[in-house]
PDB file of N, CA and C in Angstrom:
ATOM      1  N   MET A   1      22.171   5.514   8.065  1.00  0.00           N
ATOM      2  CA  MET A   1      21.028   5.358   7.205  1.00  0.00           C
ATOM      3  C   MET A   1      19.866   6.175   7.779  1.00  0.00           C
ATOM      4  N   THR A   2      19.230   6.934   6.917  1.00  0.00           N
ATOM      5  CA  THR A   2      18.105   7.753   7.333  1.00  0.00           C
ATOM      6  C   THR A   2      16.878   6.882   7.564  1.00  0.00           C
ATOM      7  N   SER A   3      16.177   7.181   8.640  1.00  0.00           N
ATOM      8  CA  SER A   3      14.941   6.469   8.921  1.00  0.00           C
ATOM      9  C   SER A   3      13.770   7.400   8.631  1.00  0.00           C
ATOM     10  N   TYR A   4      12.792   6.905   7.907  1.00  0.00           N
ATOM     11  CA  TYR A   4      11.614   7.678   7.536  1.00  0.00           C
ATOM     12  C   TYR A   4      10.438   7.259   8.400  1.00  0.00           C
ATOM     13  N   LYS A   5       9.657   8.238   8.779  1.00  0.00           N
ATOM     14  CA  LYS A   5       8.431   7.957   9.525  1.00  0.00           C
ATOM     15  C   LYS A   5       7.388   7.466   8.520  1.00  0.00           C
ATOM     16  N   VAL A   6       6.766   6.344   8.798  1.00  0.00           N
ATOM     17  CA  VAL A   6       5.736   5.793   7.912  1.00  0.00           C
ATOM     18  C   VAL A   6       4.372   6.049   8.533  1.00  0.00           C
ATOM     19  N   ILE A   7       3.519   6.669   7.740  1.00  0.00           N
ATOM     20  CA  ILE A   7       2.169   7.014   8.172  1.00  0.00           C
ATOM     21  C   ILE A   7       1.182   6.304   7.258  1.00  0.00           C
ATOM     22  N   LEU A   8       0.205   5.653   7.832  1.00  0.00           N
ATOM     23  CA  LEU A   8      -0.868   5.054   7.039  1.00  0.00           C
ATOM     24  C   LEU A   8      -2.090   5.944   7.142  1.00  0.00           C
ATOM     25  N   THR A   9      -2.649   6.311   6.005  1.00  0.00           N
ATOM     26  CA  THR A   9      -3.866   7.103   6.026  1.00  0.00           C
ATOM     27  C   THR A   9      -5.014   6.228   6.554  1.00  0.00           C
ATOM     28  N   ASP A  10      -6.136   6.854   6.836  1.00  0.00           N
ATOM     29  CA  ASP A  10      -7.313   6.092   7.268  1.00  0.00           C
ATOM     30  C   ASP A  10      -7.707   5.067   6.206  1.00  0.00           C
ATOM     31  N   HIS A  11      -7.604   5.463   4.931  1.00  0.00           N
ATOM     32  CA  HIS A  11      -7.935   4.535   3.841  1.00  0.00           C
ATOM     33  C   HIS A  11      -6.991   3.340   3.828  1.00  0.00           C
ATOM     34  N   ALA A  12      -5.707   3.576   4.019  1.00  0.00           N
ATOM     35  CA  ALA A  12      -4.730   2.481   4.019  1.00  0.00           C
ATOM     36  C   ALA A  12      -4.976   1.546   5.201  1.00  0.00           C
ATOM     37  N   ASN A  13      -5.289   2.100   6.360  1.00  0.00           N
ATOM     38  CA  ASN A  13      -5.623   1.259   7.518  1.00  0.00           C
ATOM     39  C   ASN A  13      -6.866   0.424   7.239  1.00  0.00           C
ATOM     40  N   LYS A  14      -7.843   1.023   6.595  1.00  0.00           N
ATOM     41  CA  LYS A  14      -9.064   0.306   6.230  1.00  0.00           C
ATOM     42  C   LYS A  14      -8.741  -0.804   5.222  1.00  0.00           C
ATOM     43  N   ASP A  15      -7.839  -0.507   4.267  1.00  0.00           N
ATOM     44  CA  ASP A  15      -7.422  -1.528   3.303  1.00  0.00           C
ATOM     45  C   ASP A  15      -6.822  -2.728   4.024  1.00  0.00           C
ATOM     46  N   LEU A  16      -5.950  -2.476   4.982  1.00  0.00           N
ATOM     47  CA  LEU A  16      -5.336  -3.566   5.755  1.00  0.00           C
ATOM     48  C   LEU A  16      -6.394  -4.409   6.454  1.00  0.00           C
ATOM     49  N   GLU A  17      -7.336  -3.727   7.052  1.00  0.00           N
ATOM     50  CA  GLU A  17      -8.410  -4.414   7.768  1.00  0.00           C
ATOM     51  C   GLU A  17      -9.241  -5.279   6.823  1.00  0.00           C
ATOM     52  N   VAL A  18      -9.600  -4.724   5.665  1.00  0.00           N
ATOM     53  CA  VAL A  18     -10.405  -5.451   4.685  1.00  0.00           C
ATOM     54  C   VAL A  18      -9.639  -6.655   4.136  1.00  0.00           C
ATOM     55  N   ILE A  19      -8.367  -6.465   3.821  1.00  0.00           N
ATOM     56  CA  ILE A  19      -7.538  -7.564   3.306  1.00  0.00           C
ATOM     57  C   ILE A  19      -7.467  -8.689   4.329  1.00  0.00           C
ATOM     58  N   TYR A  20      -7.150  -8.329   5.563  1.00  0.00           N
ATOM     59  CA  TYR A  20      -7.003  -9.347   6.601  1.00  0.00           C
ATOM     60  C   TYR A  20      -8.315 -10.089   6.816  1.00  0.00           C
ATOM     61  N   ARG A  21      -9.405  -9.347   6.936  1.00  0.00           N
ATOM     62  CA  ARG A  21     -10.716  -9.965   7.168  1.00  0.00           C
ATOM     63  C   ARG A  21     -11.129 -10.867   6.002  1.00  0.00           C
ATOM     64  N   TYR A  22     -10.841 -10.424   4.784  1.00  0.00           N
ATOM     65  CA  TYR A  22     -11.198 -11.224   3.610  1.00  0.00           C
ATOM     66  C   TYR A  22     -10.504 -12.590   3.657  1.00  0.00           C
ATOM     67  N   TYR A  23      -9.185 -12.585   3.846  1.00  0.00           N
ATOM     68  CA  TYR A  23      -8.458 -13.850   3.841  1.00  0.00           C
ATOM     69  C   TYR A  23      -8.768 -14.696   5.070  1.00  0.00           C
ATOM     70  N   LEU A  24      -9.055 -14.061   6.164  1.00  0.00           N
ATOM     71  CA  LEU A  24      -9.436 -14.782   7.368  1.00  0.00           C
ATOM     72  C   LEU A  24     -10.766 -15.504   7.156  1.00  0.00           C
ATOM     73  N   THR A  25     -11.700 -14.845   6.489  1.00  0.00           N
ATOM     74  CA  THR A  25     -13.034 -15.397   6.256  1.00  0.00           C
ATOM     75  C   THR A  25     -13.074 -16.385   5.094  1.00  0.00           C
ATOM     76  N   HIS A  26     -12.366 -16.071   4.007  1.00  0.00           N
ATOM     77  CA  HIS A  26     -12.462 -16.879   2.790  1.00  0.00           C
ATOM     78  C   HIS A  26     -11.397 -17.965   2.641  1.00  0.00           C
ATOM     79  N   VAL A  27     -10.314 -17.864   3.391  1.00  0.00           N
ATOM     80  CA  VAL A  27      -9.268 -18.884   3.283  1.00  0.00           C
ATOM     81  C   VAL A  27      -9.000 -19.437   4.677  1.00  0.00           C
ATOM     82  N   ASP A  28      -8.006 -18.902   5.377  1.00  0.00           N
ATOM     83  CA  ASP A  28      -7.747 -19.330   6.756  1.00  0.00           C
ATOM     84  C   ASP A  28      -6.856 -18.321   7.464  1.00  0.00           C
ATOM     85  N   ASP A  29      -6.737 -18.486   8.762  1.00  0.00           N
ATOM     86  CA  ASP A  29      -5.987 -17.520   9.565  1.00  0.00           C
ATOM     87  C   ASP A  29      -4.492 -17.545   9.261  1.00  0.00           C
ATOM     88  N   GLN A  30      -3.957 -18.694   8.863  1.00  0.00           N
ATOM     89  CA  GLN A  30      -2.528 -18.769   8.546  1.00  0.00           C
ATOM     90  C   GLN A  30      -2.184 -17.911   7.323  1.00  0.00           C
ATOM     91  N   LEU A  31      -3.000 -17.997   6.278  1.00  0.00           N
ATOM     92  CA  LEU A  31      -2.739 -17.181   5.097  1.00  0.00           C
ATOM     93  C   LEU A  31      -2.973 -15.707   5.413  1.00  0.00           C
ATOM     94  N   ALA A  32      -4.016 -15.405   6.157  1.00  0.00           N
ATOM     95  CA  ALA A  32      -4.288 -14.018   6.538  1.00  0.00           C
ATOM     96  C   ALA A  32      -3.095 -13.434   7.291  1.00  0.00           C
ATOM     97  N   ASP A  33      -2.550 -14.192   8.230  1.00  0.00           N
ATOM     98  CA  ASP A  33      -1.387 -13.734   8.994  1.00  0.00           C
ATOM     99  C   ASP A  33      -0.156 -13.584   8.099  1.00  0.00           C
ATOM    100  N   LYS A  34       0.040 -14.528   7.181  1.00  0.00           N
ATOM    101  CA  LYS A  34       1.184 -14.492   6.274  1.00  0.00           C
ATOM    102  C   LYS A  34       1.128 -13.247   5.382  1.00  0.00           C
ATOM    103  N   LEU A  35      -0.050 -12.958   4.843  1.00  0.00           N
ATOM    104  CA  LEU A  35      -0.193 -11.798   3.964  1.00  0.00           C
ATOM    105  C   LEU A  35      -0.051 -10.494   4.735  1.00  0.00           C
ATOM    106  N   LEU A  36      -0.561 -10.457   5.939  1.00  0.00           N
ATOM    107  CA  LEU A  36      -0.388  -9.270   6.781  1.00  0.00           C
ATOM    108  C   LEU A  36       1.099  -9.049   7.074  1.00  0.00           C
ATOM    109  N   SER A  37       1.818 -10.125   7.336  1.00  0.00           N
ATOM    110  CA  SER A  37       3.259 -10.041   7.583  1.00  0.00           C
ATOM    111  C   SER A  37       3.997  -9.537   6.341  1.00  0.00           C
ATOM    112  N   GLU A  38       3.561  -9.987   5.165  1.00  0.00           N
ATOM    113  CA  GLU A  38       4.155  -9.530   3.899  1.00  0.00           C
ATOM    114  C   GLU A  38       4.012  -8.014   3.760  1.00  0.00           C
ATOM    115  N   ILE A  39       2.835  -7.508   4.085  1.00  0.00           N
ATOM    116  CA  ILE A  39       2.582  -6.067   3.999  1.00  0.00           C
ATOM    117  C   ILE A  39       3.395  -5.327   5.060  1.00  0.00           C
ATOM    118  N   GLU A  40       3.437  -5.858   6.277  1.00  0.00           N
ATOM    119  CA  GLU A  40       4.210  -5.220   7.347  1.00  0.00           C
ATOM    120  C   GLU A  40       5.698  -5.161   6.993  1.00  0.00           C
ATOM    121  N   ASP A  41       6.221  -6.210   6.362  1.00  0.00           N
ATOM    122  CA  ASP A  41       7.624  -6.208   5.931  1.00  0.00           C
ATOM    123  C   ASP A  41       7.873  -5.100   4.903  1.00  0.00           C
ATOM    124  N   ALA A  42       6.925  -4.910   3.988  1.00  0.00           N
ATOM    125  CA  ALA A  42       7.054  -3.860   2.979  1.00  0.00           C
ATOM    126  C   ALA A  42       7.025  -2.483   3.627  1.00  0.00           C
ATOM    127  N   ILE A  43       6.172  -2.314   4.622  1.00  0.00           N
ATOM    128  CA  ILE A  43       6.099  -1.038   5.341  1.00  0.00           C
ATOM    129  C   ILE A  43       7.423  -0.763   6.049  1.00  0.00           C
ATOM    130  N   LEU A  44       7.970  -1.771   6.676  1.00  0.00           N
ATOM    131  CA  LEU A  44       9.263  -1.631   7.341  1.00  0.00           C
ATOM    132  C   LEU A  44      10.353  -1.270   6.330  1.00  0.00           C
ATOM    133  N   LEU A  45      10.336  -1.882   5.167  1.00  0.00           N
ATOM    134  CA  LEU A  45      11.296  -1.586   4.117  1.00  0.00           C
ATOM    135  C   LEU A  45      11.183  -0.125   3.678  1.00  0.00           C
ATOM    136  N   LEU A  46       9.966   0.373   3.558  1.00  0.00           N
ATOM    137  CA  LEU A  46       9.772   1.774   3.168  1.00  0.00           C
ATOM    138  C   LEU A  46      10.338   2.741   4.205  1.00  0.00           C
ATOM    139  N   SER A  47      10.393   2.320   5.445  1.00  0.00           N
ATOM    140  CA  SER A  47      10.916   3.212   6.489  1.00  0.00           C
ATOM    141  C   SER A  47      12.420   3.446   6.339  1.00  0.00           C
ATOM    142  N   THR A  48      13.095   2.582   5.602  1.00  0.00           N
ATOM    143  CA  THR A  48      14.537   2.754   5.402  1.00  0.00           C
ATOM    144  C   THR A  48      14.920   2.983   3.942  1.00  0.00           C
ATOM    145  N   GLN A  49      14.068   2.529   3.004  1.00  0.00           N
ATOM    146  CA  GLN A  49      14.399   2.647   1.588  1.00  0.00           C
ATOM    147  C   GLN A  49      13.183   3.072   0.755  1.00  0.00           C
ATOM    148  N   PRO A  50      12.676   4.260   0.992  1.00  0.00           N
ATOM    149  CA  PRO A  50      11.442   4.673   0.313  1.00  0.00           C
ATOM    150  C   PRO A  50      11.584   4.890  -1.189  1.00  0.00           C
ATOM    151  N   LEU A  51      12.806   4.995  -1.681  1.00  0.00           N
ATOM    152  CA  LEU A  51      12.985   5.218  -3.111  1.00  0.00           C
ATOM    153  C   LEU A  51      12.983   3.918  -3.921  1.00  0.00           C
ATOM    154  N   LEU A  52      12.717   2.792  -3.260  1.00  0.00           N
ATOM    155  CA  LEU A  52      12.608   1.517  -3.972  1.00  0.00           C
ATOM    156  C   LEU A  52      11.389   1.475  -4.886  1.00  0.00           C
ATOM    157  N   GLY A  53      10.404   2.281  -4.570  1.00  0.00           N
ATOM    158  CA  GLY A  53       9.166   2.268  -5.344  1.00  0.00           C
ATOM    159  C   GLY A  53       9.327   2.933  -6.694  1.00  0.00           C
ATOM    160  N   HIS A  54       8.288   2.817  -7.492  1.00  0.00           N
ATOM    161  CA  HIS A  54       8.271   3.426  -8.816  1.00  0.00           C
ATOM    162  C   HIS A  54       6.881   4.021  -9.069  1.00  0.00           C
ATOM    163  N   LEU A  55       6.779   4.825 -10.097  1.00  0.00           N
ATOM    164  CA  LEU A  55       5.512   5.443 -10.458  1.00  0.00           C
ATOM    165  C   LEU A  55       4.565   4.378 -10.988  1.00  0.00           C
ATOM    166  N   PRO A  56       3.363   4.262 -10.408  1.00  0.00           N
ATOM    167  CA  PRO A  56       2.399   3.282 -10.945  1.00  0.00           C
ATOM    168  C   PRO A  56       2.048   3.629 -12.391  1.00  0.00           C
ATOM    169  N   ILE A  57       1.989   2.620 -13.233  1.00  0.00           N
ATOM    170  CA  ILE A  57       1.717   2.840 -14.657  1.00  0.00           C
ATOM    171  C   ILE A  57       0.439   3.656 -14.851  1.00  0.00           C
ATOM    172  N   GLU A  58      -0.586   3.362 -14.065  1.00  0.00           N
ATOM    173  CA  GLU A  58      -1.873   4.065 -14.227  1.00  0.00           C
ATOM    174  C   GLU A  58      -1.763   5.554 -13.936  1.00  0.00           C
ATOM    175  N   LEU A  59      -0.779   5.952 -13.155  1.00  0.00           N
ATOM    176  CA  LEU A  59      -0.647   7.365 -12.783  1.00  0.00           C
ATOM    177  C   LEU A  59       0.438   8.084 -13.580  1.00  0.00           C
ATOM    178  N   SER A  60       1.024   7.426 -14.567  1.00  0.00           N
ATOM    179  CA  SER A  60       2.139   8.022 -15.301  1.00  0.00           C
ATOM    180  C   SER A  60       1.725   9.255 -16.110  1.00  0.00           C
ATOM    181  N   PHE A  61       0.443   9.395 -16.405  1.00  0.00           N
ATOM    182  CA  PHE A  61      -0.013  10.548 -17.167  1.00  0.00           C
ATOM    183  C   PHE A  61      -0.692  11.601 -16.295  1.00  0.00           C
ATOM    184  N   SER A  62      -0.634  11.424 -15.005  1.00  0.00           N
ATOM    185  CA  SER A  62      -1.240  12.401 -14.096  1.00  0.00           C
ATOM    186  C   SER A  62      -0.140  13.192 -13.413  1.00  0.00           C
ATOM    187  N   ASP A  63      -0.541  14.167 -12.651  1.00  0.00           N
ATOM    188  CA  ASP A  63       0.454  14.930 -11.902  1.00  0.00           C
ATOM    189  C   ASP A  63       0.504  14.466 -10.445  1.00  0.00           C
ATOM    190  N   GLU A  64       0.013  13.260 -10.198  1.00  0.00           N
ATOM    191  CA  GLU A  64       0.125  12.658  -8.872  1.00  0.00           C
ATOM    192  C   GLU A  64       1.585  12.347  -8.591  1.00  0.00           C
ATOM    193  N   ASP A  65       1.981  12.532  -7.367  1.00  0.00           N
ATOM    194  CA  ASP A  65       3.370  12.265  -6.998  1.00  0.00           C
ATOM    195  C   ASP A  65       3.478  10.974  -6.190  1.00  0.00           C
ATOM    196  N   CYS A  66       2.652  10.010  -6.521  1.00  0.00           N
ATOM    197  CA  CYS A  66       2.648   8.739  -5.798  1.00  0.00           C
ATOM    198  C   CYS A  66       3.646   7.753  -6.395  1.00  0.00           C
ATOM    199  N   LEU A  67       4.134   6.894  -5.530  1.00  0.00           N
ATOM    200  CA  LEU A  67       4.983   5.776  -5.918  1.00  0.00           C
ATOM    201  C   LEU A  67       4.296   4.500  -5.473  1.00  0.00           C
ATOM    202  N   GLU A  68       4.749   3.381  -5.988  1.00  0.00           N
ATOM    203  CA  GLU A  68       4.216   2.113  -5.517  1.00  0.00           C
ATOM    204  C   GLU A  68       5.358   1.151  -5.240  1.00  0.00           C
ATOM    205  N   LEU A  69       5.164   0.355  -4.202  1.00  0.00           N
ATOM    206  CA  LEU A  69       6.084  -0.724  -3.874  1.00  0.00           C
ATOM    207  C   LEU A  69       5.289  -2.010  -4.002  1.00  0.00           C
ATOM    208  N   LEU A  70       5.814  -2.935  -4.773  1.00  0.00           N
ATOM    209  CA  LEU A  70       5.134  -4.211  -4.983  1.00  0.00           C
ATOM    210  C   LEU A  70       5.674  -5.256  -4.023  1.00  0.00           C
ATOM    211  N   THR A  71       4.756  -6.056  -3.485  1.00  0.00           N
ATOM    212  CA  THR A  71       5.131  -7.249  -2.731  1.00  0.00           C
ATOM    213  C   THR A  71       4.732  -8.429  -3.610  1.00  0.00           C
ATOM    214  N   LYS A  72       4.786  -9.630  -3.085  1.00  0.00           N
ATOM    215  CA  LYS A  72       4.365 -10.788  -3.872  1.00  0.00           C
ATOM    216  C   LYS A  72       2.902 -10.682  -4.281  1.00  0.00           C
ATOM    217  N   SER A  73       2.081 -10.104  -3.411  1.00  0.00           N
ATOM    218  CA  SER A  73       0.635 -10.096  -3.643  1.00  0.00           C
ATOM    219  C   SER A  73      -0.002  -8.714  -3.710  1.00  0.00           C
ATOM    220  N   PHE A  74       0.673  -7.704  -3.178  1.00  0.00           N
ATOM    221  CA  PHE A  74       0.027  -6.410  -2.999  1.00  0.00           C
ATOM    222  C   PHE A  74       0.819  -5.249  -3.571  1.00  0.00           C
ATOM    223  N   ARG A  75       0.122  -4.126  -3.685  1.00  0.00           N
ATOM    224  CA  ARG A  75       0.710  -2.864  -4.135  1.00  0.00           C
ATOM    225  C   ARG A  75       0.510  -1.857  -3.015  1.00  0.00           C
ATOM    226  N   LEU A  76       1.584  -1.265  -2.551  1.00  0.00           N
ATOM    227  CA  LEU A  76       1.496  -0.195  -1.568  1.00  0.00           C
ATOM    228  C   LEU A  76       1.707   1.109  -2.316  1.00  0.00           C
ATOM    229  N   ILE A  77       0.700   1.961  -2.327  1.00  0.00           N
ATOM    230  CA  ILE A  77       0.762   3.246  -3.012  1.00  0.00           C
ATOM    231  C   ILE A  77       1.058   4.300  -1.944  1.00  0.00           C
ATOM    232  N   TYR A  78       2.105   5.096  -2.199  1.00  0.00           N
ATOM    233  CA  TYR A  78       2.538   6.029  -1.159  1.00  0.00           C
ATOM    234  C   TYR A  78       3.116   7.308  -1.741  1.00  0.00           C
ATOM    235  N   ARG A  79       3.229   8.288  -0.857  1.00  0.00           N
ATOM    236  CA  ARG A  79       3.873   9.559  -1.185  1.00  0.00           C
ATOM    237  C   ARG A  79       5.082   9.731  -0.275  1.00  0.00           C
ATOM    238  N   LEU A  80       6.124  10.262  -0.829  1.00  0.00           N
ATOM    239  CA  LEU A  80       7.322  10.563  -0.067  1.00  0.00           C
ATOM    240  C   LEU A  80       7.349  12.067   0.152  1.00  0.00           C
ATOM    241  N   GLU A  81       7.347  12.477   1.420  1.00  0.00           N
ATOM    242  CA  GLU A  81       7.318  13.896   1.763  1.00  0.00           C
ATOM    243  C   GLU A  81       8.353  14.152   2.844  1.00  0.00           C
ATOM    244  N   ASN A  82       9.442  14.824   2.471  1.00  0.00           N
ATOM    245  CA  ASN A  82      10.545  15.105   3.398  1.00  0.00           C
ATOM    246  C   ASN A  82      11.049  13.807   4.018  1.00  0.00           C
ATOM    247  N   ASN A  83      10.933  13.656   5.323  1.00  0.00           N
ATOM    248  CA  ASN A  83      11.403  12.442   5.991  1.00  0.00           C
ATOM    249  C   ASN A  83      10.259  11.532   6.411  1.00  0.00           C
ATOM    250  N   SER A  84       9.178  11.561   5.641  1.00  0.00           N
ATOM    251  CA  SER A  84       8.062  10.669   5.959  1.00  0.00           C
ATOM    252  C   SER A  84       7.519  10.019   4.684  1.00  0.00           C
ATOM    253  N   VAL A  85       6.959   8.859   4.882  1.00  0.00           N
ATOM    254  CA  VAL A  85       6.312   8.090   3.823  1.00  0.00           C
ATOM    255  C   VAL A  85       4.856   7.958   4.243  1.00  0.00           C
ATOM    256  N   THR A  86       3.959   8.434   3.389  1.00  0.00           N
ATOM    257  CA  THR A  86       2.535   8.328   3.680  1.00  0.00           C
ATOM    258  C   THR A  86       1.923   7.301   2.742  1.00  0.00           C
ATOM    259  N   ILE A  87       1.488   6.187   3.303  1.00  0.00           N
ATOM    260  CA  ILE A  87       0.848   5.136   2.506  1.00  0.00           C
ATOM    261  C   ILE A  87      -0.621   5.506   2.360  1.00  0.00           C
ATOM    262  N   VAL A  88      -1.041   5.671   1.099  1.00  0.00           N
ATOM    263  CA  VAL A  88      -2.409   6.130   0.840  1.00  0.00           C
ATOM    264  C   VAL A  88      -3.365   4.994   0.504  1.00  0.00           C
ATOM    265  N   MET A  89      -2.830   3.885  -0.022  1.00  0.00           N
ATOM    266  CA  MET A  89      -3.691   2.727  -0.272  1.00  0.00           C
ATOM    267  C   MET A  89      -2.855   1.466  -0.397  1.00  0.00           C
ATOM    268  N   ILE A  90      -3.494   0.355  -0.062  1.00  0.00           N
ATOM    269  CA  ILE A  90      -2.883  -0.962  -0.185  1.00  0.00           C
ATOM    270  C   ILE A  90      -3.868  -1.810  -0.979  1.00  0.00           C
ATOM    271  N   LEU A  91      -3.425  -2.284  -2.119  1.00  0.00           N
ATOM    272  CA  LEU A  91      -4.297  -3.007  -3.035  1.00  0.00           C
ATOM    273  C   LEU A  91      -3.696  -4.353  -3.400  1.00  0.00           C
ATOM    274  N   HIS A  92      -4.555  -5.271  -3.796  1.00  0.00           N
ATOM    275  CA  HIS A  92      -4.072  -6.510  -4.400  1.00  0.00           C
ATOM    276  C   HIS A  92      -3.440  -6.115  -5.734  1.00  0.00           C
ATOM    277  N   GLN A  93      -2.449  -6.859  -6.181  1.00  0.00           N
ATOM    278  CA  GLN A  93      -1.754  -6.489  -7.411  1.00  0.00           C
ATOM    279  C   GLN A  93      -2.662  -6.428  -8.627  1.00  0.00           C
ATOM    280  N   LYS A  94      -3.764  -7.147  -8.608  1.00  0.00           N
ATOM    281  CA  LYS A  94      -4.677  -7.148  -9.752  1.00  0.00           C
ATOM    282  C   LYS A  94      -5.623  -5.954  -9.747  1.00  0.00           C
ATOM    283  N   GLN A  95      -5.662  -5.213  -8.654  1.00  0.00           N
ATOM    284  CA  GLN A  95      -6.561  -4.062  -8.567  1.00  0.00           C
ATOM    285  C   GLN A  95      -5.959  -2.848  -9.258  1.00  0.00           C
ATOM    286  N   SER A  96      -6.814  -2.041  -9.834  1.00  0.00           N
ATOM    287  CA  SER A  96      -6.404  -0.808 -10.490  1.00  0.00           C
ATOM    288  C   SER A  96      -6.314   0.324  -9.476  1.00  0.00           C
ATOM    289  N   VAL A  97      -5.233   1.063  -9.526  1.00  0.00           N
ATOM    290  CA  VAL A  97      -5.059   2.219  -8.649  1.00  0.00           C
ATOM    291  C   VAL A  97      -6.117   3.272  -8.966  1.00  0.00           C
ATOM    292  N   VAL A  98      -6.345   3.504 -10.245  1.00  0.00           N
ATOM    293  CA  VAL A  98      -7.309   4.528 -10.662  1.00  0.00           C
ATOM    294  C   VAL A  98      -8.718   4.176 -10.199  1.00  0.00           C
ATOM    295  N   LYS A  99      -9.132   2.933 -10.403  1.00  0.00           N
ATOM    296  CA  LYS A  99     -10.478   2.519  -9.978  1.00  0.00           C
ATOM    297  C   LYS A  99     -10.623   2.622  -8.458  1.00  0.00           C
ATOM    298  N   ALA A 100      -9.600   2.216  -7.741  1.00  0.00           N
ATOM    299  CA  ALA A 100      -9.656   2.300  -6.282  1.00  0.00           C
ATOM    300  C   ALA A 100      -9.737   3.759  -5.824  1.00  0.00           C
ATOM    301  N   ALA A 101      -8.965   4.625  -6.458  1.00  0.00           N
ATOM    302  CA  ALA A 101      -8.987   6.051  -6.086  1.00  0.00           C
ATOM    303  C   ALA A 101     -10.354   6.668  -6.393  1.00  0.00           C
ATOM    304  N   LEU A 102     -10.918   6.342  -7.547  1.00  0.00           N
ATOM    305  CA  LEU A 102     -12.239   6.860  -7.890  1.00  0.00           C
ATOM    306  C   LEU A 102     -13.309   6.360  -6.935  1.00  0.00           C
ATOM    307  N   ALA A 103     -13.240   5.103  -6.557  1.00  0.00           N
ATOM    308  CA  ALA A 103     -14.216   4.550  -5.609  1.00  0.00           C
ATOM    309  C   ALA A 103     -14.140   5.287  -4.279  1.00  0.00           C
ATOM    310  N   ARG A 104     -12.950   5.658  -3.858  1.00  0.00           N
ATOM    311  CA  ARG A 104     -12.788   6.379  -2.594  1.00  0.00           C
ATOM    312  C   ARG A 104     -13.368   7.778  -2.679  1.00  0.00           C
ATOM    313  N   LEU A 105     -13.263   8.392  -3.848  1.00  0.00           N
ATOM    314  CA  LEU A 105     -13.830   9.728  -4.025  1.00  0.00           C
ATOM    315  C   LEU A 105     -15.347   9.710  -3.971  1.00  0.00           C
ATOM    316  N   LEU A 106     -15.937   8.597  -4.402  1.00  0.00           N
ATOM    317  CA  LEU A 106     -17.392   8.481  -4.442  1.00  0.00           C
ATOM    318  C   LEU A 106     -17.994   8.144  -3.078  1.00  0.00           C
ATOM    319  N   HIS A 107     -17.164   7.710  -2.131  1.00  0.00           N
ATOM    320  CA  HIS A 107     -17.693   7.347  -0.812  1.00  0.00           C
ATOM    321  C   HIS A 107     -17.396   8.404   0.205  1.00  0.00           C
TER     322      HIS A 107
END
């Protein structure tokens, strides 16, 4: 089985930090840890099966080559390039990929 190198962009790392801090502050450390583990499991899955993802509906009319992998709570948006997976953003499932991408362009 081929193993893919998984790279998180600075934005994706920031997303992880914001998600963890939000749940730690607004709920509790157990849920924050559980959700972080959920995301880490998805990242590990992408390292062996990156084609599990699909084109996000919001990007179906663009020429973006991003895929998304859904977990119970989150969306991992990534690009597959040769033998690497680059995670560009991690969002709650209710968040829009387009709105998140536009917000990043404005900052």
